[in-house]
Amino acid sequence: MITFLTVVILIVCFLLGAVILVQNPKGGGLATGFQGASQIGGVQRTTNFLEKSTWYLAVALFVLCILVGSFAGNGSLDVGVDESFAPTAPIEAAQ
């Protein structure tokens, strides 16, 4: 299960990187190549698709990382507060 989720995380990372690289930081991105199609409304749909896909992929990556962390957690170790440094007798107040 962990191997499958790791492969899915790698695919999501690749797609997220590709979607981010396609976008133009000044708002042009793929829209600059479709100047003639701006009358139809295709440019606005392209930028909306890229922005929404960026958010969806980022949320999917976050959720998948949380899932892998929960499945791959070490359940055999007793993790908690180390009480070996705790005082055994109550400390009396100085008078």
N, C-alpha and C. Protein backbone atom coordinates (compact mmCIF):
# COMPACT_ATOMS: atom_id res chain seq x y z
N MET A 1 0.82 -1.19 0.00
CA MET A 1 0.00 0.00 0.00
C MET A 1 0.86 1.26 0.00
N ILE A 2 1.94 1.23 0.79
CA ILE A 2 2.81 2.39 0.87
C ILE A 2 3.52 2.61 -0.46
N THR A 3 3.92 1.55 -1.12
CA THR A 3 4.59 1.68 -2.41
C THR A 3 3.64 2.28 -3.45
N PHE A 4 2.40 1.85 -3.45
CA PHE A 4 1.42 2.40 -4.38
C PHE A 4 1.22 3.90 -4.12
N LEU A 5 1.07 4.27 -2.85
CA LEU A 5 0.88 5.69 -2.53
C LEU A 5 2.12 6.52 -2.88
N THR A 6 3.30 5.93 -2.73
CA THR A 6 4.52 6.64 -3.09
C THR A 6 4.58 6.89 -4.59
N VAL A 7 4.17 5.92 -5.38
CA VAL A 7 4.13 6.09 -6.84
C VAL A 7 3.11 7.16 -7.21
N VAL A 8 1.96 7.15 -6.55
CA VAL A 8 0.94 8.18 -6.82
C VAL A 8 1.47 9.56 -6.44
N ILE A 9 2.21 9.65 -5.33
CA ILE A 9 2.80 10.94 -4.93
C ILE A 9 3.79 11.42 -5.98
N LEU A 10 4.59 10.53 -6.51
CA LEU A 10 5.55 10.93 -7.55
C LEU A 10 4.84 11.42 -8.81
N ILE A 11 3.76 10.76 -9.18
CA ILE A 11 2.99 11.19 -10.36
C ILE A 11 2.37 12.56 -10.11
N VAL A 12 1.81 12.77 -8.92
CA VAL A 12 1.20 14.06 -8.59
C VAL A 12 2.27 15.15 -8.57
N CYS A 13 3.45 14.85 -8.05
CA CYS A 13 4.54 15.84 -8.04
C CYS A 13 4.95 16.21 -9.46
N PHE A 14 5.06 15.22 -10.32
CA PHE A 14 5.42 15.50 -11.72
C PHE A 14 4.36 16.37 -12.38
N LEU A 15 3.09 16.02 -12.19
CA LEU A 15 2.01 16.81 -12.79
C LEU A 15 1.95 18.22 -12.23
N LEU A 16 2.16 18.35 -10.93
CA LEU A 16 2.15 19.67 -10.30
C LEU A 16 3.29 20.53 -10.83
N GLY A 17 4.45 19.95 -10.97
CA GLY A 17 5.58 20.70 -11.54
C GLY A 17 5.32 21.12 -12.97
N ALA A 18 4.73 20.22 -13.76
CA ALA A 18 4.43 20.56 -15.15
C ALA A 18 3.39 21.67 -15.25
N VAL A 19 2.36 21.60 -14.42
CA VAL A 19 1.31 22.63 -14.45
C VAL A 19 1.87 23.97 -14.01
N ILE A 20 2.73 23.97 -13.02
CA ILE A 20 3.32 25.23 -12.55
C ILE A 20 4.24 25.82 -13.61
N LEU A 21 5.02 24.96 -14.28
CA LEU A 21 5.94 25.48 -15.30
C LEU A 21 5.22 26.01 -16.53
N VAL A 22 4.02 25.51 -16.82
CA VAL A 22 3.27 25.98 -17.97
C VAL A 22 2.73 27.39 -17.73
N GLN A 23 2.46 27.71 -16.48
CA GLN A 23 1.89 29.02 -16.16
C GLN A 23 2.95 30.11 -16.29
N ASN A 24 2.50 31.28 -16.67
CA ASN A 24 3.37 32.45 -16.74
C ASN A 24 3.19 33.25 -15.47
N PRO A 25 4.29 33.65 -14.82
CA PRO A 25 4.13 34.38 -13.57
C PRO A 25 3.45 35.74 -13.72
N LYS A 26 3.41 36.27 -14.92
CA LYS A 26 2.77 37.56 -15.14
C LYS A 26 1.33 37.41 -15.62
N GLY A 27 0.81 36.21 -15.63
CA GLY A 27 -0.58 36.00 -15.98
C GLY A 27 -0.80 35.58 -17.42
N GLY A 28 0.25 35.48 -18.22
CA GLY A 28 0.08 35.10 -19.62
C GLY A 28 0.01 33.60 -19.78
N GLY A 29 1.13 32.94 -19.56
CA GLY A 29 1.20 31.48 -19.65
C GLY A 29 0.79 30.97 -21.00
N LEU A 30 -0.03 29.95 -21.02
CA LEU A 30 -0.53 29.40 -22.27
C LEU A 30 -1.43 30.39 -22.99
N ALA A 31 -1.97 31.33 -22.27
CA ALA A 31 -2.90 32.28 -22.87
C ALA A 31 -2.21 33.14 -23.93
N THR A 32 -0.91 33.39 -23.82
CA THR A 32 -0.23 34.23 -24.80
C THR A 32 -0.16 33.56 -26.16
N GLY A 33 -0.14 32.25 -26.21
CA GLY A 33 -0.09 31.54 -27.48
C GLY A 33 -1.42 31.49 -28.19
N PHE A 34 -2.49 31.83 -27.51
CA PHE A 34 -3.83 31.76 -28.08
C PHE A 34 -4.47 33.14 -28.20
N GLN A 35 -3.73 34.09 -28.73
CA GLN A 35 -4.25 35.45 -28.83
C GLN A 35 -5.47 35.53 -29.73
N GLY A 36 -5.49 34.76 -30.80
CA GLY A 36 -6.64 34.78 -31.70
C GLY A 36 -7.87 34.12 -31.11
N ALA A 37 -7.68 33.23 -30.17
CA ALA A 37 -8.80 32.52 -29.57
C ALA A 37 -9.42 33.29 -28.41
N SER A 38 -8.89 34.47 -28.11
CA SER A 38 -9.41 35.21 -26.97
C SER A 38 -10.85 35.68 -27.20
N GLN A 39 -11.24 35.78 -28.46
CA GLN A 39 -12.60 36.21 -28.74
C GLN A 39 -13.60 35.10 -28.39
N ILE A 40 -13.17 33.88 -28.42
CA ILE A 40 -14.06 32.76 -28.13
C ILE A 40 -14.17 32.53 -26.62
N GLY A 41 -13.15 32.93 -25.87
CA GLY A 41 -13.14 32.71 -24.43
C GLY A 41 -12.28 31.54 -24.02
N GLY A 42 -11.51 30.99 -24.92
CA GLY A 42 -10.65 29.85 -24.60
C GLY A 42 -9.50 30.21 -23.70
N VAL A 43 -9.02 31.44 -23.77
CA VAL A 43 -7.89 31.85 -22.95
C VAL A 43 -8.27 31.86 -21.48
N GLN A 44 -9.39 32.42 -21.18
CA GLN A 44 -9.82 32.48 -19.79
C GLN A 44 -10.04 31.08 -19.22
N ARG A 45 -10.57 30.20 -20.02
CA ARG A 45 -10.79 28.83 -19.55
C ARG A 45 -9.47 28.11 -19.32
N THR A 46 -8.47 28.41 -20.16
CA THR A 46 -7.16 27.77 -20.00
C THR A 46 -6.52 28.20 -18.70
N THR A 47 -6.52 29.50 -18.40
CA THR A 47 -5.90 29.98 -17.16
C THR A 47 -6.68 29.49 -15.94
N ASN A 48 -8.00 29.44 -16.03
CA ASN A 48 -8.79 28.93 -14.91
C ASN A 48 -8.50 27.45 -14.68
N PHE A 49 -8.37 26.69 -15.76
CA PHE A 49 -8.06 25.26 -15.63
C PHE A 49 -6.70 25.06 -14.98
N LEU A 50 -5.71 25.84 -15.40
CA LEU A 50 -4.37 25.69 -14.84
C LEU A 50 -4.35 26.08 -13.36
N GLU A 51 -5.06 27.13 -13.01
CA GLU A 51 -5.09 27.55 -11.61
C GLU A 51 -5.81 26.52 -10.74
N LYS A 52 -6.95 26.04 -11.21
CA LYS A 52 -7.69 25.05 -10.43
C LYS A 52 -6.92 23.74 -10.32
N SER A 53 -6.28 23.33 -11.40
CA SER A 53 -5.52 22.08 -11.35
C SER A 53 -4.32 22.21 -10.41
N THR A 54 -3.73 23.39 -10.32
CA THR A 54 -2.63 23.60 -9.38
C THR A 54 -3.12 23.40 -7.95
N TRP A 55 -4.26 23.99 -7.62
CA TRP A 55 -4.80 23.85 -6.27
C TRP A 55 -5.19 22.41 -5.98
N TYR A 56 -5.85 21.75 -6.92
CA TYR A 56 -6.27 20.36 -6.69
C TYR A 56 -5.07 19.44 -6.51
N LEU A 57 -4.05 19.63 -7.33
CA LEU A 57 -2.87 18.78 -7.21
C LEU A 57 -2.12 19.05 -5.90
N ALA A 58 -2.07 20.30 -5.47
CA ALA A 58 -1.40 20.62 -4.21
C ALA A 58 -2.14 20.00 -3.03
N VAL A 59 -3.46 20.07 -3.03
CA VAL A 59 -4.25 19.46 -1.96
C VAL A 59 -4.10 17.94 -2.00
N ALA A 60 -4.11 17.37 -3.19
CA ALA A 60 -3.94 15.92 -3.31
C ALA A 60 -2.57 15.49 -2.79
N LEU A 61 -1.54 16.26 -3.09
CA LEU A 61 -0.20 15.94 -2.60
C LEU A 61 -0.16 16.00 -1.08
N PHE A 62 -0.78 17.01 -0.49
CA PHE A 62 -0.82 17.14 0.96
C PHE A 62 -1.53 15.94 1.60
N VAL A 63 -2.68 15.58 1.07
CA VAL A 63 -3.46 14.47 1.62
C VAL A 63 -2.69 13.15 1.47
N LEU A 64 -2.08 12.94 0.32
CA LEU A 64 -1.33 11.71 0.10
C LEU A 64 -0.13 11.61 1.04
N CYS A 65 0.54 12.71 1.29
CA CYS A 65 1.67 12.69 2.21
C CYS A 65 1.22 12.37 3.63
N ILE A 66 0.06 12.91 4.03
CA ILE A 66 -0.48 12.59 5.35
C ILE A 66 -0.84 11.10 5.43
N LEU A 67 -1.42 10.56 4.37
CA LEU A 67 -1.78 9.14 4.37
C LEU A 67 -0.54 8.25 4.46
N VAL A 68 0.48 8.57 3.69
CA VAL A 68 1.70 7.76 3.74
C VAL A 68 2.33 7.86 5.12
N GLY A 69 2.31 9.03 5.70
CA GLY A 69 2.86 9.19 7.05
C GLY A 69 2.09 8.38 8.08
N SER A 70 0.79 8.30 7.92
CA SER A 70 0.01 7.53 8.89
C SER A 70 0.18 6.03 8.70
N PHE A 71 0.33 5.59 7.46
CA PHE A 71 0.54 4.16 7.20
C PHE A 71 1.96 3.73 7.52
N ALA A 72 2.91 4.60 7.28
CA ALA A 72 4.31 4.23 7.46
C ALA A 72 4.82 4.56 8.85
N GLY A 73 3.97 5.05 9.73
CA GLY A 73 4.39 5.38 11.08
C GLY A 73 4.90 4.14 11.81
N ASN A 74 5.81 4.36 12.72
CA ASN A 74 6.40 3.25 13.46
C ASN A 74 5.52 2.95 14.66
N GLY A 75 4.71 1.92 14.57
CA GLY A 75 3.81 1.55 15.65
C GLY A 75 4.45 0.68 16.71
N SER A 76 5.67 0.20 16.47
CA SER A 76 6.30 -0.70 17.43
C SER A 76 7.03 0.06 18.53
N LEU A 77 7.35 1.30 18.32
CA LEU A 77 8.05 2.07 19.34
C LEU A 77 7.06 2.76 20.26
N ASP A 78 7.44 2.83 21.53
CA ASP A 78 6.61 3.54 22.49
C ASP A 78 7.08 4.99 22.49
N VAL A 79 6.38 5.81 21.76
CA VAL A 79 6.75 7.21 21.63
C VAL A 79 5.87 8.02 22.56
N GLY A 80 6.49 8.83 23.35
CA GLY A 80 5.73 9.66 24.28
C GLY A 80 6.67 10.51 25.10
N VAL A 81 6.19 10.94 26.22
CA VAL A 81 6.99 11.79 27.10
C VAL A 81 7.99 10.91 27.85
N ASP A 82 9.25 11.33 27.82
CA ASP A 82 10.28 10.60 28.55
C ASP A 82 10.22 11.01 30.02
N GLU A 83 9.78 10.09 30.84
CA GLU A 83 9.60 10.40 32.25
C GLU A 83 10.81 10.04 33.10
N SER A 84 11.91 9.66 32.48
CA SER A 84 13.09 9.30 33.26
C SER A 84 13.72 10.51 33.93
N PHE A 85 13.46 11.70 33.43
CA PHE A 85 14.01 12.91 34.02
C PHE A 85 13.07 13.55 35.03
N ALA A 86 11.87 13.02 35.17
CA ALA A 86 10.89 13.59 36.09
C ALA A 86 11.30 13.27 37.52
N PRO A 87 11.14 14.23 38.41
CA PRO A 87 11.49 13.96 39.81
C PRO A 87 10.51 12.96 40.41
N THR A 88 11.04 12.09 41.28
CA THR A 88 10.19 11.08 41.88
C THR A 88 9.49 11.60 43.12
N ALA A 89 10.10 12.52 43.81
CA ALA A 89 9.50 13.08 45.02
C ALA A 89 9.13 14.53 44.74
N PRO A 90 8.06 15.02 45.33
CA PRO A 90 7.70 16.41 45.10
C PRO A 90 8.77 17.35 45.68
N ILE A 91 9.01 18.42 44.98
CA ILE A 91 10.01 19.41 45.39
C ILE A 91 9.35 20.33 46.42
N GLU A 92 10.01 20.47 47.56
CA GLU A 92 9.47 21.34 48.61
C GLU A 92 9.80 22.79 48.29
N ALA A 93 8.89 23.67 48.61
CA ALA A 93 9.10 25.09 48.36
C ALA A 93 10.15 25.63 49.31
N ALA A 94 11.02 26.43 48.78
CA ALA A 94 12.07 27.05 49.60
C ALA A 94 11.45 28.11 50.50
N GLN A 95 11.88 28.10 51.79
CA GLN A 95 11.29 29.06 52.73
C GLN A 95 12.24 30.16 53.06
